Amino acid sequence: MADQQKAQKEYVSGWFEEVWNRSRREALDEMFPEDCILHDGGTEYRGATQFKVFYDALRTQLSEVRITPLDAISEGEMVCTRWSCTAKQSSTGRPVAFTGMVIVRFKDGRFAEGLQNWDQHGLLQQLEEATPKSVFQAAG
């Protein structure tokens, strides 16, 4: 059981390394099965095909993404990982940072379901601060 839990924690860390840190979009197809569902706040992504829409949108906004797993707890088929992210806003080069947590359920050694919560509001605030406001917005 301990070997399974260690392998599952390493799989989650590998996800962050391959998909986000190395920008390997093809790793989505390798690691996110089409029958897997990710609950991200009020949004659900079913399989790699749907997740790619989110991934591509975020990668357009952010460059030099670096996600660091901070803590991981594994029990049975579940892994909970707390992580931090640093990146740069693509249009300005301004650094941003935010944190999150994900709980992943495994089936047959692969992702079956994920429940993710991350500081999307904090990221959006940082991106808005980096975007120059028009004269009309500043006057309002």
C-alpha atoms as a PDB file:
ATOM      1  CA  MET A   1       0.000   0.000   0.000  1.00  0.00           C
ATOM      2  CA  ALA A   2       2.833   2.418   0.833  1.00  0.00           C
ATOM      3  CA  ASP A   3       4.352   1.845  -2.621  1.00  0.00           C
ATOM      4  CA  GLN A   4       1.002   2.634  -4.269  1.00  0.00           C
ATOM      5  CA  GLN A   5       0.616   5.833  -2.280  1.00  0.00           C
ATOM      6  CA  LYS A   6       4.170   6.909  -3.105  1.00  0.00           C
ATOM      7  CA  ALA A   7       3.578   6.192  -6.806  1.00  0.00           C
ATOM      8  CA  GLN A   8       0.346   8.200  -6.771  1.00  0.00           C
ATOM      9  CA  LYS A   9       2.050  11.213  -5.146  1.00  0.00           C
ATOM     10  CA  GLU A  10       4.848  10.992  -7.723  1.00  0.00           C
ATOM     11  CA  TYR A  11       2.262  10.828 -10.530  1.00  0.00           C
ATOM     12  CA  VAL A  12       0.661  14.084  -9.315  1.00  0.00           C
ATOM     13  CA  SER A  13       4.092  15.750  -9.051  1.00  0.00           C
ATOM     14  CA  GLY A  14       4.894  14.440 -12.536  1.00  0.00           C
ATOM     15  CA  TRP A  15       1.701  16.055 -13.839  1.00  0.00           C
ATOM     16  CA  PHE A  16       2.828  19.468 -12.643  1.00  0.00           C
ATOM     17  CA  GLU A  17       6.339  18.932 -13.993  1.00  0.00           C
ATOM     18  CA  GLU A  18       5.389  17.642 -17.436  1.00  0.00           C
ATOM     19  CA  VAL A  19       2.212  19.587 -18.186  1.00  0.00           C
ATOM     20  CA  TRP A  20       2.989  22.942 -16.605  1.00  0.00           C
ATOM     21  CA  ASN A  21       6.720  23.310 -15.918  1.00  0.00           C
ATOM     22  CA  ARG A  22       7.873  21.717 -19.175  1.00  0.00           C
ATOM     23  CA  SER A  23       4.851  22.974 -21.169  1.00  0.00           C
ATOM     24  CA  ARG A  24       4.293  19.512 -22.639  1.00  0.00           C
ATOM     25  CA  ARG A  25       0.745  19.832 -23.963  1.00  0.00           C
ATOM     26  CA  GLU A  26       0.958  16.266 -25.274  1.00  0.00           C
ATOM     27  CA  ALA A  27       1.297  15.078 -21.672  1.00  0.00           C
ATOM     28  CA  LEU A  28      -2.374  15.983 -21.241  1.00  0.00           C
ATOM     29  CA  ASP A  29      -3.296  13.110 -23.556  1.00  0.00           C
ATOM     30  CA  GLU A  30      -0.857  10.821 -21.757  1.00  0.00           C
ATOM     31  CA  MET A  31      -1.974  11.637 -18.204  1.00  0.00           C
ATOM     32  CA  PHE A  32      -5.594  12.919 -18.326  1.00  0.00           C
ATOM     33  CA  PRO A  33      -7.867  10.088 -19.546  1.00  0.00           C
ATOM     34  CA  GLU A  34     -10.996  11.030 -21.473  1.00  0.00           C
ATOM     35  CA  ASP A  35     -13.159   9.449 -18.756  1.00  0.00           C
ATOM     36  CA  CYS A  36     -11.508  11.540 -16.028  1.00  0.00           C
ATOM     37  CA  ILE A  37     -13.341  14.583 -14.697  1.00  0.00           C
ATOM     38  CA  LEU A  38     -11.758  17.618 -13.033  1.00  0.00           C
ATOM     39  CA  HIS A  39     -13.968  19.786 -10.828  1.00  0.00           C
ATOM     40  CA  ASP A  40     -12.384  23.243 -10.792  1.00  0.00           C
ATOM     41  CA  GLY A  41     -14.617  25.434  -8.670  1.00  0.00           C
ATOM     42  CA  GLY A  42     -17.920  25.601 -10.556  1.00  0.00           C
ATOM     43  CA  THR A  43     -16.411  24.317 -13.810  1.00  0.00           C
ATOM     44  CA  GLU A  44     -15.942  20.711 -14.888  1.00  0.00           C
ATOM     45  CA  TYR A  45     -13.510  19.413 -17.485  1.00  0.00           C
ATOM     46  CA  ARG A  46     -14.096  15.923 -18.857  1.00  0.00           C
ATOM     47  CA  GLY A  47     -10.975  14.428 -20.347  1.00  0.00           C
ATOM     48  CA  ALA A  48      -7.917  15.971 -21.917  1.00  0.00           C
ATOM     49  CA  THR A  49      -9.890  17.437 -24.824  1.00  0.00           C
ATOM     50  CA  GLN A  50     -11.957  19.725 -22.595  1.00  0.00           C
ATOM     51  CA  PHE A  51      -9.057  20.501 -20.257  1.00  0.00           C
ATOM     52  CA  LYS A  52      -6.968  21.705 -23.216  1.00  0.00           C
ATOM     53  CA  VAL A  53      -9.331  24.679 -23.634  1.00  0.00           C
ATOM     54  CA  PHE A  54      -8.484  25.832 -20.082  1.00  0.00           C
ATOM     55  CA  TYR A  55      -4.800  24.945 -20.473  1.00  0.00           C
ATOM     56  CA  ASP A  56      -4.418  26.862 -23.747  1.00  0.00           C
ATOM     57  CA  ALA A  57      -6.211  29.920 -22.359  1.00  0.00           C
ATOM     58  CA  LEU A  58      -4.019  30.020 -19.258  1.00  0.00           C
ATOM     59  CA  ARG A  59      -0.823  29.398 -21.224  1.00  0.00           C
ATOM     60  CA  THR A  60      -1.746  32.336 -23.486  1.00  0.00           C
ATOM     61  CA  GLN A  61      -1.925  34.610 -20.430  1.00  0.00           C
ATOM     62  CA  LEU A  62       1.097  33.192 -18.580  1.00  0.00           C
ATOM     63  CA  SER A  63       4.667  32.309 -19.512  1.00  0.00           C
ATOM     64  CA  GLU A  64       7.518  30.785 -17.518  1.00  0.00           C
ATOM     65  CA  VAL A  65       5.030  28.812 -15.438  1.00  0.00           C
ATOM     66  CA  ARG A  66       6.581  26.995 -12.494  1.00  0.00           C
ATOM     67  CA  ILE A  67       4.357  24.913 -10.215  1.00  0.00           C
ATOM     68  CA  THR A  68       5.950  23.544  -7.073  1.00  0.00           C
ATOM     69  CA  PRO A  69       4.227  20.820  -5.051  1.00  0.00           C
ATOM     70  CA  LEU A  70       4.585  21.816  -1.401  1.00  0.00           C
ATOM     71  CA  ASP A  71       2.829  19.027   0.501  1.00  0.00           C
ATOM     72  CA  ALA A  72       1.212  15.754  -0.529  1.00  0.00           C
ATOM     73  CA  ILE A  73      -0.904  13.385   1.526  1.00  0.00           C
ATOM     74  CA  SER A  74      -2.009  10.033   0.172  1.00  0.00           C
ATOM     75  CA  GLU A  75      -4.560   7.630   1.551  1.00  0.00           C
ATOM     76  CA  GLY A  76      -5.999   4.711  -0.384  1.00  0.00           C
ATOM     77  CA  GLU A  77      -6.857   5.870  -3.881  1.00  0.00           C
ATOM     78  CA  MET A  78      -6.714   9.580  -3.001  1.00  0.00           C
ATOM     79  CA  VAL A  79      -3.891  12.147  -3.061  1.00  0.00           C
ATOM     80  CA  CYS A  80      -4.149  15.720  -1.837  1.00  0.00           C
ATOM     81  CA  THR A  81      -1.417  18.091  -3.010  1.00  0.00           C
ATOM     82  CA  ARG A  82      -0.902  21.717  -1.972  1.00  0.00           C
ATOM     83  CA  TRP A  83       1.057  23.689  -4.572  1.00  0.00           C
ATOM     84  CA  SER A  84       2.360  27.148  -5.424  1.00  0.00           C
ATOM     85  CA  CYS A  85       2.806  28.715  -8.830  1.00  0.00           C
ATOM     86  CA  THR A  86       4.999  31.491 -10.151  1.00  0.00           C
ATOM     87  CA  ALA A  87       4.763  32.782 -13.712  1.00  0.00           C
ATOM     88  CA  LYS A  88       4.944  35.924 -15.811  1.00  0.00           C
ATOM     89  CA  GLN A  89       2.101  37.674 -17.522  1.00  0.00           C
ATOM     90  CA  SER A  90       2.782  37.062 -21.199  1.00  0.00           C
ATOM     91  CA  SER A  91       1.879  40.547 -22.398  1.00  0.00           C
ATOM     92  CA  THR A  92       3.883  42.513 -19.802  1.00  0.00           C
ATOM     93  CA  GLY A  93       6.480  40.157 -18.350  1.00  0.00           C
ATOM     94  CA  ARG A  94       5.205  41.063 -14.877  1.00  0.00           C
ATOM     95  CA  PRO A  95       5.635  38.277 -12.299  1.00  0.00           C
ATOM     96  CA  VAL A  96       2.564  36.691 -10.701  1.00  0.00           C
ATOM     97  CA  ALA A  97       2.198  34.131  -7.944  1.00  0.00           C
ATOM     98  CA  PHE A  98      -0.703  32.088  -6.587  1.00  0.00           C
ATOM     99  CA  THR A  99      -1.437  28.876  -4.715  1.00  0.00           C
ATOM    100  CA  GLY A 100      -3.859  25.992  -4.869  1.00  0.00           C
ATOM    101  CA  MET A 101      -4.783  22.507  -3.777  1.00  0.00           C
ATOM    102  CA  VAL A 102      -5.953  19.454  -5.657  1.00  0.00           C
ATOM    103  CA  ILE A 103      -7.434  16.184  -4.480  1.00  0.00           C
ATOM    104  CA  VAL A 104      -7.035  13.398  -7.014  1.00  0.00           C
ATOM    105  CA  ARG A 105      -8.757  10.023  -7.059  1.00  0.00           C
ATOM    106  CA  PHE A 106      -6.870   7.284  -8.863  1.00  0.00           C
ATOM    107  CA  LYS A 107      -8.201   4.221 -10.645  1.00  0.00           C
ATOM    108  CA  ASP A 108      -5.876   1.630 -12.165  1.00  0.00           C
ATOM    109  CA  GLY A 109      -2.871   3.888 -11.552  1.00  0.00           C
ATOM    110  CA  ARG A 110      -4.271   6.873 -13.484  1.00  0.00           C
ATOM    111  CA  PHE A 111      -6.329   9.974 -12.744  1.00  0.00           C
ATOM    112  CA  ALA A 112     -10.024   9.182 -12.399  1.00  0.00           C
ATOM    113  CA  GLU A 113     -11.275  12.400 -10.806  1.00  0.00           C
ATOM    114  CA  GLY A 114      -9.852  15.641  -9.482  1.00  0.00           C
ATOM    115  CA  LEU A 115     -11.188  18.356  -7.213  1.00  0.00           C
ATOM    116  CA  GLN A 116      -9.164  21.532  -7.546  1.00  0.00           C
ATOM    117  CA  ASN A 117      -9.291  24.857  -5.764  1.00  0.00           C
ATOM    118  CA  TRP A 118      -6.829  27.624  -6.545  1.00  0.00           C
ATOM    119  CA  ASP A 119      -6.568  31.383  -6.069  1.00  0.00           C
ATOM    120  CA  GLN A 120      -7.982  32.382  -9.421  1.00  0.00           C
ATOM    121  CA  HIS A 121      -9.253  35.678  -7.993  1.00  0.00           C
ATOM    122  CA  GLY A 122      -5.772  36.573  -6.736  1.00  0.00           C
ATOM    123  CA  LEU A 123      -4.295  35.797 -10.144  1.00  0.00           C
ATOM    124  CA  LEU A 124      -6.916  37.905 -11.915  1.00  0.00           C
ATOM    125  CA  GLN A 125      -6.193  40.826  -9.572  1.00  0.00           C
ATOM    126  CA  GLN A 126      -2.489  40.588 -10.377  1.00  0.00           C
ATOM    127  CA  LEU A 127      -3.186  40.457 -14.124  1.00  0.00           C
ATOM    128  CA  GLU A 128      -5.529  43.465 -13.927  1.00  0.00           C
ATOM    129  CA  GLU A 129      -2.952  45.478 -11.979  1.00  0.00           C
ATOM    130  CA  ALA A 130      -0.468  44.840 -14.772  1.00  0.00           C
ATOM    131  CA  THR A 131      -2.883  46.002 -17.477  1.00  0.00           C
ATOM    132  CA  PRO A 132      -2.923  49.767 -18.055  1.00  0.00           C
ATOM    133  CA  LYS A 133      -6.368  51.270 -17.449  1.00  0.00           C
ATOM    134  CA  SER A 134      -7.886  53.563 -20.027  1.00  0.00           C
ATOM    135  CA  VAL A 135      -8.568  57.211 -19.205  1.00  0.00           C
ATOM    136  CA  PHE A 136     -12.274  56.417 -18.923  1.00  0.00           C
ATOM    137  CA  GLN A 137     -11.756  53.583 -16.445  1.00  0.00           C
ATOM    138  CA  ALA A 138      -9.451  55.708 -14.306  1.00  0.00           C
ATOM    139  CA  ALA A 139     -11.943  58.600 -14.291  1.00  0.00           C
ATOM    140  CA  GLY A 140     -14.927  56.392 -13.315  1.00  0.00           C
END
